[in-house]
Amino acid sequence: MNCYCFGMGGHGDIIYSLPSTKILGDGIYWFNGEFSPGIIDNIGPLLMEQPHVKGVKFGPLDASMYDVCYDMNVLWKQPDLANVILPINFARALNIKDFVLEYPYITLSNMERKIDNSYVIIGKTPRYRNPEVNWRNVIENILNTTPHEIYFNGHEAEYNDFISQYGYGDKIARLQCKNFLDIAHYVCGAEAIYCNQTSLLTVAQGLGKDYFLEKEPNHLNCVWNIPEETILTKC
């Protein structure tokens, strides 16, 4: 049994580790350091959906529960971290040879749709923004060219900020998600995802869903290669 120990990072970083840990084998995801106990309820259910994840723990390591411990914090020691997408950087940091990133890499045991009608999901967080993206045009394009309903994934403050800035409060409802497994089920049933670089993006990528990205053009964390057809500035 392996241990995959995280002492820092975000939810998206954890999701990006899944292709590598799947190759390394069955193990426990273990969190300490900068994380709080809430990480268990927040992302634990999604991790436990993955066949190779046998447990999710928080607190000091217990060496009696595993044979090999992988320090997942080595990711942030990679010299070209900003130029390569994180699933590949994880594989390099963990010395996985001949790594090939395949989609989807998130597994869901239950694929039942949460919403019967056709819909898309929008997500927009405070960081990694591009002021050149006209979200009103994006929303109008969705409303005028498709029958899709529109939902927003994010904290209440993020939703309120989006609606106050762009309007459409009568057209866009906020999803009520308990955890990342909930988010993944909503993403799985969506026609497409529209977002900036956030954990919603990592879930969409992991499930192999279509997405359109508001990409901050000059931030070091946003310069890694994204297919041009997914850049939201073209919408």
C-alpha atoms as a PDB file:
ATOM      1  CA  MET A   1       0.000   0.000   0.000  1.00  0.00           C
ATOM      2  CA  ASN A   2       1.252   3.466  -0.929  1.00  0.00           C
ATOM      3  CA  CYS A   3       0.803   6.779   0.832  1.00  0.00           C
ATOM      4  CA  TYR A   4       0.367   9.950  -1.209  1.00  0.00           C
ATOM      5  CA  CYS A   5       1.148  12.771   1.195  1.00  0.00           C
ATOM      6  CA  PHE A   6       0.133  16.376   0.495  1.00  0.00           C
ATOM      7  CA  GLY A   7       1.223  19.183   2.794  1.00  0.00           C
ATOM      8  CA  MET A   8       0.338  22.037   0.456  1.00  0.00           C
ATOM      9  CA  GLY A   9      -1.569  22.833  -2.714  1.00  0.00           C
ATOM     10  CA  GLY A  10      -5.184  23.226  -3.753  1.00  0.00           C
ATOM     11  CA  HIS A  11      -8.061  20.998  -4.737  1.00  0.00           C
ATOM     12  CA  GLY A  12      -7.150  21.249  -8.413  1.00  0.00           C
ATOM     13  CA  ASP A  13      -3.581  20.165  -7.681  1.00  0.00           C
ATOM     14  CA  ILE A  14      -4.889  17.084  -5.886  1.00  0.00           C
ATOM     15  CA  ILE A  15      -7.090  16.176  -8.853  1.00  0.00           C
ATOM     16  CA  TYR A  16      -4.167  16.648 -11.246  1.00  0.00           C
ATOM     17  CA  SER A  17      -2.209  14.034  -9.263  1.00  0.00           C
ATOM     18  CA  LEU A  18      -4.668  11.223 -10.064  1.00  0.00           C
ATOM     19  CA  PRO A  19      -3.100  10.028 -13.345  1.00  0.00           C
ATOM     20  CA  SER A  20       0.244   9.536 -11.589  1.00  0.00           C
ATOM     21  CA  THR A  21      -1.061   7.880  -8.442  1.00  0.00           C
ATOM     22  CA  LYS A  22      -3.156   5.536 -10.575  1.00  0.00           C
ATOM     23  CA  ILE A  23       0.070   4.331 -12.206  1.00  0.00           C
ATOM     24  CA  LEU A  24       1.939   4.086  -8.899  1.00  0.00           C
ATOM     25  CA  GLY A  25      -0.751   1.846  -7.449  1.00  0.00           C
ATOM     26  CA  ASP A  26      -3.247   1.459  -4.631  1.00  0.00           C
ATOM     27  CA  GLY A  27      -2.786   3.888  -1.801  1.00  0.00           C
ATOM     28  CA  ILE A  28      -4.045   6.365   0.760  1.00  0.00           C
ATOM     29  CA  TYR A  29      -4.245  10.109   0.152  1.00  0.00           C
ATOM     30  CA  TRP A  30      -2.870  11.754   3.283  1.00  0.00           C
ATOM     31  CA  PHE A  31      -3.152  15.465   4.096  1.00  0.00           C
ATOM     32  CA  ASN A  32      -1.372  17.591   6.686  1.00  0.00           C
ATOM     33  CA  GLY A  33       0.693  20.783   6.734  1.00  0.00           C
ATOM     34  CA  GLU A  34      -1.336  23.632   5.235  1.00  0.00           C
ATOM     35  CA  PHE A  35      -4.533  21.591   5.009  1.00  0.00           C
ATOM     36  CA  SER A  36      -7.378  21.530   7.513  1.00  0.00           C
ATOM     37  CA  PRO A  37      -9.548  18.547   8.508  1.00  0.00           C
ATOM     38  CA  GLY A  38     -12.283  19.843   6.188  1.00  0.00           C
ATOM     39  CA  ILE A  39     -10.313  18.508   3.219  1.00  0.00           C
ATOM     40  CA  ILE A  40     -11.641  15.024   4.045  1.00  0.00           C
ATOM     41  CA  ASP A  41     -15.290  15.948   3.543  1.00  0.00           C
ATOM     42  CA  ASN A  42     -14.578  18.297   0.661  1.00  0.00           C
ATOM     43  CA  ILE A  43     -12.538  16.193  -1.751  1.00  0.00           C
ATOM     44  CA  GLY A  44     -12.425  12.822   0.030  1.00  0.00           C
ATOM     45  CA  PRO A  45     -15.642  11.454  -1.539  1.00  0.00           C
ATOM     46  CA  LEU A  46     -14.348  12.142  -5.063  1.00  0.00           C
ATOM     47  CA  LEU A  47     -10.984  10.563  -4.280  1.00  0.00           C
ATOM     48  CA  MET A  48     -12.681   7.467  -2.879  1.00  0.00           C
ATOM     49  CA  GLU A  49     -14.508   7.011  -6.196  1.00  0.00           C
ATOM     50  CA  GLN A  50     -11.144   6.264  -7.795  1.00  0.00           C
ATOM     51  CA  PRO A  51     -10.458   2.511  -7.745  1.00  0.00           C
ATOM     52  CA  HIS A  52      -6.819   2.902  -6.699  1.00  0.00           C
ATOM     53  CA  VAL A  53      -7.589   5.184  -3.724  1.00  0.00           C
ATOM     54  CA  LYS A  54      -8.077   3.038  -0.622  1.00  0.00           C
ATOM     55  CA  GLY A  55      -8.378   5.762   1.993  1.00  0.00           C
ATOM     56  CA  VAL A  56      -8.237   9.494   2.707  1.00  0.00           C
ATOM     57  CA  LYS A  57      -6.597  10.664   5.943  1.00  0.00           C
ATOM     58  CA  PHE A  58      -5.730  13.900   7.711  1.00  0.00           C
ATOM     59  CA  GLY A  59      -3.053  14.467  10.340  1.00  0.00           C
ATOM     60  CA  PRO A  60       0.368  13.050  11.229  1.00  0.00           C
ATOM     61  CA  LEU A  61       1.534  10.143   9.109  1.00  0.00           C
ATOM     62  CA  ASP A  62       1.168   6.624  10.502  1.00  0.00           C
ATOM     63  CA  ALA A  63       3.868   4.478   8.919  1.00  0.00           C
ATOM     64  CA  SER A  64       2.108   1.282  10.012  1.00  0.00           C
ATOM     65  CA  MET A  65      -0.593   1.948   7.404  1.00  0.00           C
ATOM     66  CA  TYR A  66       1.573   2.012   4.285  1.00  0.00           C
ATOM     67  CA  ASP A  67       4.695   0.533   2.698  1.00  0.00           C
ATOM     68  CA  VAL A  68       5.898   3.434   0.542  1.00  0.00           C
ATOM     69  CA  CYS A  69       5.233   7.136   1.078  1.00  0.00           C
ATOM     70  CA  TYR A  70       5.343   9.536  -1.870  1.00  0.00           C
ATOM     71  CA  ASP A  71       5.936  13.180  -1.019  1.00  0.00           C
ATOM     72  CA  MET A  72       3.526  14.917  -3.379  1.00  0.00           C
ATOM     73  CA  ASN A  73       5.023  18.286  -2.445  1.00  0.00           C
ATOM     74  CA  VAL A  74       7.893  17.546  -4.838  1.00  0.00           C
ATOM     75  CA  LEU A  75       5.621  18.932  -7.551  1.00  0.00           C
ATOM     76  CA  TRP A  76       6.414  22.494  -6.492  1.00  0.00           C
ATOM     77  CA  LYS A  77      10.155  21.864  -6.825  1.00  0.00           C
ATOM     78  CA  GLN A  78       9.904  21.277 -10.573  1.00  0.00           C
ATOM     79  CA  PRO A  79      11.979  23.881 -12.490  1.00  0.00           C
ATOM     80  CA  ASP A  80       9.522  24.270 -15.387  1.00  0.00           C
ATOM     81  CA  LEU A  81       6.345  24.111 -13.353  1.00  0.00           C
ATOM     82  CA  ALA A  82       4.708  26.995 -15.206  1.00  0.00           C
ATOM     83  CA  ASN A  83       5.330  25.606 -18.695  1.00  0.00           C
ATOM     84  CA  VAL A  84       3.885  22.095 -18.459  1.00  0.00           C
ATOM     85  CA  ILE A  85       0.406  21.031 -17.386  1.00  0.00           C
ATOM     86  CA  LEU A  86       0.347  19.713 -13.843  1.00  0.00           C
ATOM     87  CA  PRO A  87      -0.553  16.050 -14.518  1.00  0.00           C
ATOM     88  CA  ILE A  88       2.630  15.779 -16.564  1.00  0.00           C
ATOM     89  CA  ASN A  89       4.618  17.699 -13.955  1.00  0.00           C
ATOM     90  CA  PHE A  90       3.447  15.278 -11.260  1.00  0.00           C
ATOM     91  CA  ALA A  91       4.653  12.348 -13.370  1.00  0.00           C
ATOM     92  CA  ARG A  92       8.053  13.989 -13.863  1.00  0.00           C
ATOM     93  CA  ALA A  93       8.373  14.889 -10.187  1.00  0.00           C
ATOM     94  CA  LEU A  94       7.575  11.295  -9.210  1.00  0.00           C
ATOM     95  CA  ASN A  95       9.973   9.842 -11.813  1.00  0.00           C
ATOM     96  CA  ILE A  96       7.292   7.985 -13.745  1.00  0.00           C
ATOM     97  CA  LYS A  97       8.856   6.905 -17.016  1.00  0.00           C
ATOM     98  CA  ASP A  98       7.106   6.946 -20.409  1.00  0.00           C
ATOM     99  CA  PHE A  99       4.090   8.755 -18.950  1.00  0.00           C
ATOM    100  CA  VAL A 100       1.181   9.312 -21.326  1.00  0.00           C
ATOM    101  CA  LEU A 101      -1.716  11.459 -20.151  1.00  0.00           C
ATOM    102  CA  GLU A 102      -5.003   9.794 -21.071  1.00  0.00           C
ATOM    103  CA  TYR A 103      -8.547  11.137 -20.650  1.00  0.00           C
ATOM    104  CA  PRO A 104     -10.749  10.751 -18.746  1.00  0.00           C
ATOM    105  CA  TYR A 105      -8.757  10.159 -15.574  1.00  0.00           C
ATOM    106  CA  ILE A 106     -11.554  10.769 -13.086  1.00  0.00           C
ATOM    107  CA  THR A 107     -13.795   7.770 -12.438  1.00  0.00           C
ATOM    108  CA  LEU A 108     -17.420   8.041 -11.332  1.00  0.00           C
ATOM    109  CA  SER A 109     -19.257   4.895 -10.304  1.00  0.00           C
ATOM    110  CA  ASN A 110     -22.670   6.516 -10.754  1.00  0.00           C
ATOM    111  CA  MET A 111     -23.194   8.414 -14.010  1.00  0.00           C
ATOM    112  CA  GLU A 112     -26.828   9.385 -13.360  1.00  0.00           C
ATOM    113  CA  ARG A 113     -27.617  12.949 -14.467  1.00  0.00           C
ATOM    114  CA  LYS A 114     -28.442  15.429 -11.710  1.00  0.00           C
ATOM    115  CA  ILE A 115     -30.342  17.757 -14.064  1.00  0.00           C
ATOM    116  CA  ASP A 116     -32.679  16.422 -16.758  1.00  0.00           C
ATOM    117  CA  ASN A 117     -32.484  19.395 -19.129  1.00  0.00           C
ATOM    118  CA  SER A 118     -29.502  20.376 -21.288  1.00  0.00           C
ATOM    119  CA  TYR A 119     -27.206  22.761 -19.413  1.00  0.00           C
ATOM    120  CA  VAL A 120     -23.791  24.379 -19.190  1.00  0.00           C
ATOM    121  CA  ILE A 121     -21.836  25.433 -16.098  1.00  0.00           C
ATOM    122  CA  ILE A 122     -20.038  28.718 -15.520  1.00  0.00           C
ATOM    123  CA  GLY A 123     -17.332  29.240 -12.901  1.00  0.00           C
ATOM    124  CA  LYS A 124     -15.375  32.416 -12.170  1.00  0.00           C
ATOM    125  CA  THR A 125     -13.093  32.918  -9.171  1.00  0.00           C
ATOM    126  CA  PRO A 126     -11.233  36.069  -8.036  1.00  0.00           C
ATOM    127  CA  ARG A 127      -7.829  35.013  -9.375  1.00  0.00           C
ATOM    128  CA  TYR A 128      -6.576  34.243 -12.890  1.00  0.00           C
ATOM    129  CA  ARG A 129      -8.849  36.652 -14.774  1.00  0.00           C
ATOM    130  CA  ASN A 130      -8.622  38.169 -18.225  1.00  0.00           C
ATOM    131  CA  PRO A 131     -10.279  41.613 -18.512  1.00  0.00           C
ATOM    132  CA  GLU A 132     -10.556  41.193 -22.278  1.00  0.00           C
ATOM    133  CA  VAL A 133     -13.146  38.444 -21.884  1.00  0.00           C
ATOM    134  CA  ASN A 134     -16.651  39.852 -22.343  1.00  0.00           C
ATOM    135  CA  TRP A 135     -18.805  37.548 -20.248  1.00  0.00           C
ATOM    136  CA  ARG A 136     -21.994  39.250 -21.356  1.00  0.00           C
ATOM    137  CA  ASN A 137     -21.195  38.205 -24.920  1.00  0.00           C
ATOM    138  CA  VAL A 138     -20.416  34.683 -23.721  1.00  0.00           C
ATOM    139  CA  ILE A 139     -23.763  34.415 -21.928  1.00  0.00           C
ATOM    140  CA  GLU A 140     -25.704  35.947 -24.812  1.00  0.00           C
ATOM    141  CA  ASN A 141     -24.057  33.482 -27.186  1.00  0.00           C
ATOM    142  CA  ILE A 142     -25.147  30.560 -24.993  1.00  0.00           C
ATOM    143  CA  LEU A 143     -28.695  31.873 -24.615  1.00  0.00           C
ATOM    144  CA  ASN A 144     -29.179  32.770 -28.278  1.00  0.00           C
ATOM    145  CA  THR A 145     -27.603  29.781 -29.991  1.00  0.00           C
ATOM    146  CA  THR A 146     -28.419  26.824 -27.738  1.00  0.00           C
ATOM    147  CA  PRO A 147     -31.303  25.536 -25.616  1.00  0.00           C
ATOM    148  CA  HIS A 148     -28.994  25.121 -22.637  1.00  0.00           C
ATOM    149  CA  GLU A 149     -29.824  26.224 -19.127  1.00  0.00           C
ATOM    150  CA  ILE A 150     -26.956  28.003 -17.344  1.00  0.00           C
ATOM    151  CA  TYR A 151     -25.706  27.240 -13.836  1.00  0.00           C
ATOM    152  CA  PHE A 152     -22.914  28.769 -11.780  1.00  0.00           C
ATOM    153  CA  ASN A 153     -20.499  26.698  -9.711  1.00  0.00           C
ATOM    154  CA  GLY A 154     -18.715  28.504  -6.903  1.00  0.00           C
ATOM    155  CA  HIS A 155     -19.046  30.085  -3.499  1.00  0.00           C
ATOM    156  CA  GLU A 156     -22.030  32.334  -2.864  1.00  0.00           C
ATOM    157  CA  ALA A 157     -19.777  35.407  -2.845  1.00  0.00           C
ATOM    158  CA  GLU A 158     -18.377  34.445  -6.267  1.00  0.00           C
ATOM    159  CA  TYR A 159     -21.882  34.000  -7.660  1.00  0.00           C
ATOM    160  CA  ASN A 160     -23.040  37.321  -6.245  1.00  0.00           C
ATOM    161  CA  ASP A 161     -19.969  39.055  -7.671  1.00  0.00           C
ATOM    162  CA  PHE A 162     -20.615  37.569 -11.108  1.00  0.00           C
ATOM    163  CA  ILE A 163     -24.293  38.536 -11.145  1.00  0.00           C
ATOM    164  CA  SER A 164     -23.619  42.053  -9.850  1.00  0.00           C
ATOM    165  CA  GLN A 165     -20.979  42.571 -12.538  1.00  0.00           C
ATOM    166  CA  TYR A 166     -22.686  40.974 -15.529  1.00  0.00           C
ATOM    167  CA  GLY A 167     -26.358  40.557 -14.628  1.00  0.00           C
ATOM    168  CA  TYR A 168     -28.512  37.612 -15.763  1.00  0.00           C
ATOM    169  CA  GLY A 169     -29.562  36.718 -12.216  1.00  0.00           C
ATOM    170  CA  ASP A 170     -32.872  35.541 -13.665  1.00  0.00           C
ATOM    171  CA  LYS A 171     -31.083  33.253 -16.140  1.00  0.00           C
ATOM    172  CA  ILE A 172     -28.231  31.798 -14.067  1.00  0.00           C
ATOM    173  CA  ALA A 173     -28.823  29.765 -10.907  1.00  0.00           C
ATOM    174  CA  ARG A 174     -26.104  28.745  -8.459  1.00  0.00           C
ATOM    175  CA  LEU A 175     -25.482  25.024  -8.017  1.00  0.00           C
ATOM    176  CA  GLN A 176     -25.709  23.776  -4.437  1.00  0.00           C
ATOM    177  CA  CYS A 177     -22.794  21.336  -4.145  1.00  0.00           C
ATOM    178  CA  LYS A 178     -21.802  19.513  -0.961  1.00  0.00           C
ATOM    179  CA  ASN A 179     -18.346  18.444  -2.146  1.00  0.00           C
ATOM    180  CA  PHE A 180     -16.226  17.722  -5.207  1.00  0.00           C
ATOM    181  CA  LEU A 181     -18.022  14.471  -5.932  1.00  0.00           C
ATOM    182  CA  ASP A 182     -21.205  16.524  -6.257  1.00  0.00           C
ATOM    183  CA  ILE A 183     -19.412  18.949  -8.582  1.00  0.00           C
ATOM    184  CA  ALA A 184     -18.106  16.079 -10.694  1.00  0.00           C
ATOM    185  CA  HIS A 185     -21.599  14.659 -11.158  1.00  0.00           C
ATOM    186  CA  TYR A 186     -22.906  18.044 -12.326  1.00  0.00           C
ATOM    187  CA  VAL A 187     -19.919  18.492 -14.657  1.00  0.00           C
ATOM    188  CA  CYS A 188     -20.394  14.992 -16.059  1.00  0.00           C
ATOM    189  CA  GLY A 189     -23.916  15.840 -17.200  1.00  0.00           C
ATOM    190  CA  ALA A 190     -23.103  19.279 -18.593  1.00  0.00           C
ATOM    191  CA  GLU A 191     -22.746  20.069 -22.287  1.00  0.00           C
ATOM    192  CA  ALA A 192     -19.734  22.317 -21.622  1.00  0.00           C
ATOM    193  CA  ILE A 193     -17.921  24.254 -18.914  1.00  0.00           C
ATOM    194  CA  TYR A 194     -17.072  27.981 -19.110  1.00  0.00           C
ATOM    195  CA  CYS A 195     -14.608  29.119 -16.461  1.00  0.00           C
ATOM    196  CA  ASN A 196     -11.319  30.684 -15.512  1.00  0.00           C
ATOM    197  CA  GLN A 197      -8.450  28.573 -14.184  1.00  0.00           C
ATOM    198  CA  THR A 198     -10.033  27.021 -11.117  1.00  0.00           C
ATOM    199  CA  SER A 199     -10.812  23.633  -9.610  1.00  0.00           C
ATOM    200  CA  LEU A 200     -13.917  23.448 -11.815  1.00  0.00           C
ATOM    201  CA  LEU A 201     -11.560  23.367 -14.802  1.00  0.00           C
ATOM    202  CA  THR A 202      -9.568  20.477 -13.324  1.00  0.00           C
ATOM    203  CA  VAL A 203     -12.744  18.440 -12.835  1.00  0.00           C
ATOM    204  CA  ALA A 204     -13.856  19.134 -16.417  1.00  0.00           C
ATOM    205  CA  GLN A 205     -10.449  18.144 -17.777  1.00  0.00           C
ATOM    206  CA  GLY A 206     -10.317  15.021 -15.636  1.00  0.00           C
ATOM    207  CA  LEU A 207     -13.716  13.914 -16.937  1.00  0.00           C
ATOM    208  CA  GLY A 208     -12.782  14.736 -20.536  1.00  0.00           C
ATOM    209  CA  LYS A 209     -15.552  17.335 -20.855  1.00  0.00           C
ATOM    210  CA  ASP A 210     -15.623  20.209 -23.310  1.00  0.00           C
ATOM    211  CA  TYR A 211     -14.545  23.472 -21.702  1.00  0.00           C
ATOM    212  CA  PHE A 212     -13.855  27.089 -22.606  1.00  0.00           C
ATOM    213  CA  LEU A 213     -11.277  28.904 -20.501  1.00  0.00           C
ATOM    214  CA  GLU A 214     -10.876  32.515 -19.454  1.00  0.00           C
ATOM    215  CA  LYS A 215      -7.080  32.416 -19.513  1.00  0.00           C
ATOM    216  CA  GLU A 216      -5.071  35.121 -17.781  1.00  0.00           C
ATOM    217  CA  PRO A 217      -2.466  35.798 -20.467  1.00  0.00           C
ATOM    218  CA  ASN A 218       0.594  36.824 -18.443  1.00  0.00           C
ATOM    219  CA  HIS A 219       0.444  34.958 -15.126  1.00  0.00           C
ATOM    220  CA  LEU A 220       3.152  32.325 -14.676  1.00  0.00           C
ATOM    221  CA  ASN A 221       0.589  29.758 -13.493  1.00  0.00           C
ATOM    222  CA  CYS A 222      -1.461  30.213 -16.665  1.00  0.00           C
ATOM    223  CA  VAL A 223       1.062  30.012 -19.475  1.00  0.00           C
ATOM    224  CA  TRP A 224       1.069  26.253 -19.941  1.00  0.00           C
ATOM    225  CA  ASN A 225      -0.310  24.978 -23.194  1.00  0.00           C
ATOM    226  CA  ILE A 226      -4.093  25.049 -23.626  1.00  0.00           C
ATOM    227  CA  PRO A 227      -5.645  24.150 -27.003  1.00  0.00           C
ATOM    228  CA  GLU A 228      -6.429  27.396 -28.822  1.00  0.00           C
ATOM    229  CA  GLU A 229      -9.990  26.346 -29.602  1.00  0.00           C
ATOM    230  CA  THR A 230     -10.780  26.318 -25.870  1.00  0.00           C
ATOM    231  CA  ILE A 231      -9.674  29.898 -25.129  1.00  0.00           C
ATOM    232  CA  LEU A 232     -12.690  31.942 -24.093  1.00  0.00           C
ATOM    233  CA  THR A 233     -11.488  35.178 -25.702  1.00  0.00           C
ATOM    234  CA  LYS A 234     -12.698  33.751 -29.007  1.00  0.00           C
ATOM    235  CA  CYS A 235     -16.316  33.475 -27.815  1.00  0.00           C
END
